[in-house]
């Protein structure tokens, strides 16, 4: 069950990160959030997606469900980063409008 939730959440998080990458690219911020956080997160997420789709784990759904804490911690990690990046984006946009 959890592995299905995990697999379903990854594409949505990937899409959100790509949207954030696009949003940050037009800001001209002093900090390159794309290079600093977004690209590393996308690479991590894509490697997890590859592993979950690989033949190596195709027959291991029982074992994967035993790793619920690992899946949960990954999702919390990604969601926390996305949440904070959204806050930074909002702040950067507000700062840009003030200038």
N, C-alpha and C. Protein backbone atom coordinates (compact mmCIF):
# COMPACT_ATOMS: atom_id res chain seq x y z
N UNK A 1 0.82 -1.20 0.00
CA UNK A 1 0.00 0.00 0.00
C UNK A 1 0.87 1.26 0.00
N UNK A 2 1.79 1.34 0.91
CA UNK A 2 2.60 2.55 1.02
C UNK A 2 3.45 2.75 -0.21
N UNK A 3 3.97 1.65 -0.79
CA UNK A 3 4.79 1.82 -1.97
C UNK A 3 3.99 2.41 -3.12
N UNK A 4 2.68 2.12 -3.19
CA UNK A 4 1.83 2.72 -4.22
C UNK A 4 1.66 4.21 -3.96
N UNK A 5 1.46 4.58 -2.71
CA UNK A 5 1.35 5.99 -2.36
C UNK A 5 2.64 6.70 -2.69
N UNK A 6 3.73 6.08 -2.32
CA UNK A 6 5.06 6.62 -2.59
C UNK A 6 5.26 6.84 -4.08
N UNK A 7 4.97 5.81 -4.86
CA UNK A 7 5.13 5.89 -6.31
C UNK A 7 4.21 6.95 -6.90
N UNK A 8 3.05 7.14 -6.34
CA UNK A 8 2.10 8.14 -6.85
C UNK A 8 2.55 9.56 -6.49
N UNK A 9 3.13 9.73 -5.32
CA UNK A 9 3.55 11.07 -4.89
C UNK A 9 4.80 11.56 -5.61
N UNK A 10 5.67 10.67 -6.00
CA UNK A 10 6.92 11.08 -6.64
C UNK A 10 6.69 11.89 -7.92
N UNK A 11 5.82 11.43 -8.85
CA UNK A 11 5.61 12.23 -10.06
C UNK A 11 5.03 13.63 -9.76
N UNK A 12 4.15 13.72 -8.79
CA UNK A 12 3.58 15.02 -8.43
C UNK A 12 4.65 15.94 -7.86
N UNK A 13 5.52 15.39 -7.02
CA UNK A 13 6.61 16.19 -6.46
C UNK A 13 7.58 16.61 -7.56
N UNK A 14 7.84 15.71 -8.49
CA UNK A 14 8.74 16.02 -9.61
C UNK A 14 8.17 17.18 -10.44
N UNK A 15 6.89 17.12 -10.72
CA UNK A 15 6.23 18.18 -11.48
C UNK A 15 6.31 19.51 -10.74
N UNK A 16 6.07 19.49 -9.45
CA UNK A 16 6.14 20.70 -8.63
C UNK A 16 7.55 21.28 -8.64
N UNK A 17 8.55 20.42 -8.49
CA UNK A 17 9.94 20.88 -8.52
C UNK A 17 10.30 21.50 -9.87
N UNK A 18 9.83 20.90 -10.95
CA UNK A 18 10.09 21.46 -12.28
C UNK A 18 9.41 22.82 -12.44
N UNK A 19 8.20 22.95 -11.90
CA UNK A 19 7.50 24.24 -11.93
C UNK A 19 8.25 25.28 -11.11
N UNK A 20 8.74 24.88 -9.95
CA UNK A 20 9.52 25.79 -9.12
C UNK A 20 10.80 26.22 -9.83
N UNK A 21 11.42 25.28 -10.50
CA UNK A 21 12.64 25.59 -11.26
C UNK A 21 12.35 26.67 -12.29
N UNK A 22 11.25 26.52 -12.97
CA UNK A 22 10.84 27.51 -13.97
C UNK A 22 10.55 28.86 -13.32
N UNK A 23 9.83 28.83 -12.21
CA UNK A 23 9.47 30.07 -11.50
C UNK A 23 10.71 30.81 -11.00
N UNK A 24 11.66 30.07 -10.46
CA UNK A 24 12.87 30.70 -9.93
C UNK A 24 13.76 31.25 -11.05
N UNK A 25 13.70 30.63 -12.22
CA UNK A 25 14.59 31.03 -13.31
C UNK A 25 14.34 32.47 -13.77
N UNK A 26 13.12 32.95 -13.62
CA UNK A 26 12.81 34.30 -14.07
C UNK A 26 12.98 35.38 -13.03
N UNK A 27 13.43 35.04 -11.85
CA UNK A 27 13.50 36.02 -10.77
C UNK A 27 14.79 36.83 -10.72
N UNK A 28 15.87 36.26 -11.14
CA UNK A 28 17.15 36.96 -11.04
C UNK A 28 17.60 37.13 -9.60
N UNK A 29 17.34 36.14 -8.79
CA UNK A 29 17.71 36.16 -7.37
C UNK A 29 19.23 36.06 -7.22
N UNK A 30 19.75 36.62 -6.13
CA UNK A 30 21.19 36.50 -5.84
C UNK A 30 21.57 35.05 -5.56
N UNK A 31 20.67 34.30 -4.96
CA UNK A 31 20.91 32.89 -4.65
C UNK A 31 20.34 32.04 -5.77
N UNK A 32 21.13 31.13 -6.30
CA UNK A 32 20.67 30.24 -7.36
C UNK A 32 20.01 29.03 -6.72
N UNK A 33 18.73 29.16 -6.41
CA UNK A 33 17.99 28.10 -5.73
C UNK A 33 17.87 26.86 -6.61
N UNK A 34 17.89 27.05 -7.91
CA UNK A 34 17.80 25.90 -8.81
C UNK A 34 19.02 25.01 -8.64
N UNK A 35 20.19 25.60 -8.67
CA UNK A 35 21.41 24.81 -8.52
C UNK A 35 21.60 24.32 -7.08
N UNK A 36 21.23 25.16 -6.14
CA UNK A 36 21.45 24.84 -4.74
C UNK A 36 20.52 23.75 -4.21
N UNK A 37 19.23 23.82 -4.54
CA UNK A 37 18.28 22.86 -3.97
C UNK A 37 17.47 22.09 -5.00
N UNK A 38 16.95 22.77 -6.02
CA UNK A 38 15.98 22.13 -6.91
C UNK A 38 16.63 21.02 -7.74
N UNK A 39 17.75 21.31 -8.40
CA UNK A 39 18.40 20.27 -9.21
C UNK A 39 18.83 19.06 -8.38
N UNK A 40 19.45 19.25 -7.20
CA UNK A 40 19.78 18.07 -6.39
C UNK A 40 18.54 17.26 -5.96
N UNK A 41 17.46 17.96 -5.64
CA UNK A 41 16.23 17.25 -5.27
C UNK A 41 15.68 16.47 -6.45
N UNK A 42 15.69 17.08 -7.63
CA UNK A 42 15.21 16.38 -8.82
C UNK A 42 16.06 15.15 -9.12
N UNK A 43 17.36 15.26 -8.98
CA UNK A 43 18.24 14.12 -9.22
C UNK A 43 17.95 12.99 -8.23
N UNK A 44 17.78 13.35 -6.97
CA UNK A 44 17.47 12.35 -5.95
C UNK A 44 16.14 11.67 -6.26
N UNK A 45 15.15 12.47 -6.58
CA UNK A 45 13.82 11.94 -6.87
C UNK A 45 13.85 11.03 -8.10
N UNK A 46 14.54 11.46 -9.14
CA UNK A 46 14.62 10.65 -10.35
C UNK A 46 15.35 9.33 -10.11
N UNK A 47 16.37 9.35 -9.26
CA UNK A 47 17.07 8.09 -8.97
C UNK A 47 16.17 7.14 -8.18
N UNK A 48 15.36 7.67 -7.28
CA UNK A 48 14.41 6.82 -6.55
C UNK A 48 13.37 6.23 -7.49
N UNK A 49 12.88 7.05 -8.42
CA UNK A 49 11.92 6.54 -9.40
C UNK A 49 12.53 5.41 -10.23
N UNK A 50 13.76 5.60 -10.66
CA UNK A 50 14.44 4.56 -11.45
C UNK A 50 14.57 3.27 -10.66
N UNK A 51 14.97 3.39 -9.42
CA UNK A 51 15.12 2.19 -8.58
C UNK A 51 13.79 1.46 -8.41
N UNK A 52 12.73 2.21 -8.15
CA UNK A 52 11.44 1.58 -7.93
C UNK A 52 10.90 0.91 -9.19
N UNK A 53 11.29 1.41 -10.36
CA UNK A 53 10.83 0.82 -11.63
C UNK A 53 11.76 -0.29 -12.12
N UNK A 54 12.92 -0.41 -11.52
CA UNK A 54 13.91 -1.36 -12.02
C UNK A 54 13.48 -2.81 -11.78
N UNK A 55 14.04 -3.69 -12.59
CA UNK A 55 13.78 -5.13 -12.43
C UNK A 55 14.26 -5.62 -11.08
N UNK A 56 15.26 -4.96 -10.55
CA UNK A 56 15.84 -5.35 -9.27
C UNK A 56 14.79 -5.38 -8.16
N UNK A 57 13.81 -4.48 -8.23
CA UNK A 57 12.81 -4.39 -7.16
C UNK A 57 11.40 -4.78 -7.62
N UNK A 58 11.25 -5.24 -8.84
CA UNK A 58 9.92 -5.51 -9.37
C UNK A 58 9.15 -6.58 -8.59
N UNK A 59 9.84 -7.57 -8.06
CA UNK A 59 9.17 -8.65 -7.32
C UNK A 59 9.28 -8.49 -5.81
N UNK A 60 9.59 -7.31 -5.35
CA UNK A 60 9.86 -7.15 -3.93
C UNK A 60 8.83 -6.27 -3.22
N UNK A 61 7.59 -6.32 -3.66
CA UNK A 61 6.61 -5.43 -3.05
C UNK A 61 6.44 -5.70 -1.55
N UNK A 62 6.53 -6.96 -1.14
CA UNK A 62 6.42 -7.27 0.29
C UNK A 62 7.56 -6.62 1.06
N UNK A 63 8.77 -6.79 0.55
CA UNK A 63 9.93 -6.21 1.23
C UNK A 63 9.86 -4.69 1.22
N UNK A 64 9.37 -4.12 0.13
CA UNK A 64 9.27 -2.66 0.05
C UNK A 64 8.28 -2.13 1.08
N UNK A 65 7.20 -2.85 1.31
CA UNK A 65 6.22 -2.37 2.29
C UNK A 65 6.79 -2.42 3.71
N UNK A 66 7.79 -3.25 3.93
CA UNK A 66 8.44 -3.27 5.24
C UNK A 66 9.28 -2.02 5.45
N UNK A 67 9.59 -1.32 4.36
CA UNK A 67 10.39 -0.11 4.44
C UNK A 67 9.55 1.15 4.56
N UNK A 68 8.36 1.04 5.15
CA UNK A 68 7.43 2.16 5.26
C UNK A 68 8.10 3.40 5.85
N UNK A 69 8.90 3.23 6.88
CA UNK A 69 9.55 4.38 7.51
C UNK A 69 10.50 5.08 6.55
N UNK A 70 11.15 4.31 5.71
CA UNK A 70 12.06 4.90 4.73
C UNK A 70 11.28 5.71 3.70
N UNK A 71 10.19 5.13 3.20
CA UNK A 71 9.36 5.83 2.23
C UNK A 71 8.80 7.10 2.84
N UNK A 72 8.31 6.98 4.04
CA UNK A 72 7.73 8.13 4.71
C UNK A 72 8.77 9.23 4.90
N UNK A 73 9.96 8.87 5.32
CA UNK A 73 11.00 9.88 5.55
C UNK A 73 11.40 10.56 4.24
N UNK A 74 11.43 9.81 3.13
CA UNK A 74 11.72 10.41 1.83
C UNK A 74 10.64 11.42 1.45
N UNK A 75 9.40 11.03 1.63
CA UNK A 75 8.30 11.93 1.28
C UNK A 75 8.31 13.18 2.14
N UNK A 76 8.57 13.02 3.43
CA UNK A 76 8.65 14.18 4.32
C UNK A 76 9.78 15.10 3.87
N UNK A 77 10.91 14.52 3.54
CA UNK A 77 12.08 15.28 3.07
C UNK A 77 11.72 16.10 1.83
N UNK A 78 11.15 15.44 0.83
CA UNK A 78 10.79 16.15 -0.40
C UNK A 78 9.72 17.21 -0.15
N UNK A 79 8.68 16.84 0.59
CA UNK A 79 7.58 17.79 0.82
C UNK A 79 8.04 18.99 1.64
N UNK A 80 8.91 18.77 2.60
CA UNK A 80 9.44 19.88 3.40
C UNK A 80 10.25 20.82 2.53
N UNK A 81 11.09 20.27 1.68
CA UNK A 81 11.90 21.09 0.78
C UNK A 81 11.01 21.88 -0.18
N UNK A 82 9.99 21.24 -0.74
CA UNK A 82 9.07 21.92 -1.66
C UNK A 82 8.35 23.05 -0.94
N UNK A 83 7.89 22.77 0.27
CA UNK A 83 7.18 23.79 1.06
C UNK A 83 8.07 25.00 1.31
N UNK A 84 9.31 24.75 1.70
CA UNK A 84 10.23 25.85 1.99
C UNK A 84 10.63 26.60 0.71
N UNK A 85 10.80 25.88 -0.39
CA UNK A 85 11.11 26.54 -1.65
C UNK A 85 9.95 27.45 -2.09
N UNK A 86 8.73 27.01 -1.85
CA UNK A 86 7.57 27.85 -2.17
C UNK A 86 7.57 29.12 -1.33
N UNK A 87 7.94 29.00 -0.06
CA UNK A 87 8.03 30.18 0.80
C UNK A 87 9.11 31.14 0.29
N UNK A 88 10.24 30.58 -0.08
CA UNK A 88 11.34 31.41 -0.60
C UNK A 88 10.91 32.10 -1.89
N UNK A 89 10.24 31.36 -2.75
CA UNK A 89 9.77 31.94 -4.01
C UNK A 89 8.83 33.10 -3.75
N UNK A 90 7.91 32.92 -2.84
CA UNK A 90 6.96 33.97 -2.49
C UNK A 90 7.71 35.19 -1.95
N UNK A 91 8.69 34.97 -1.11
CA UNK A 91 9.48 36.05 -0.54
C UNK A 91 10.29 36.76 -1.63
N UNK A 92 10.90 35.99 -2.51
CA UNK A 92 11.69 36.57 -3.61
C UNK A 92 10.81 37.40 -4.53
N UNK A 93 9.62 36.90 -4.80
CA UNK A 93 8.69 37.66 -5.65
C UNK A 93 8.29 38.97 -4.99
N UNK A 94 8.01 38.91 -3.70
CA UNK A 94 7.64 40.13 -2.98
C UNK A 94 8.80 41.12 -2.96
N UNK A 95 9.99 40.61 -2.78
CA UNK A 95 11.19 41.46 -2.74
C UNK A 95 11.42 42.13 -4.11
N UNK A 96 11.18 41.37 -5.16
CA UNK A 96 11.35 41.87 -6.52
C UNK A 96 10.33 42.98 -6.82
N UNK A 97 9.11 42.85 -6.33
CA UNK A 97 8.07 43.85 -6.56
C UNK A 97 8.37 45.15 -5.81
N UNK A 98 9.03 45.03 -4.66
CA UNK A 98 9.32 46.21 -3.84
C UNK A 98 10.35 47.09 -4.55
N UNK A 99 11.31 46.47 -5.22
CA UNK A 99 12.38 47.25 -5.88
C UNK A 99 11.88 48.16 -6.94
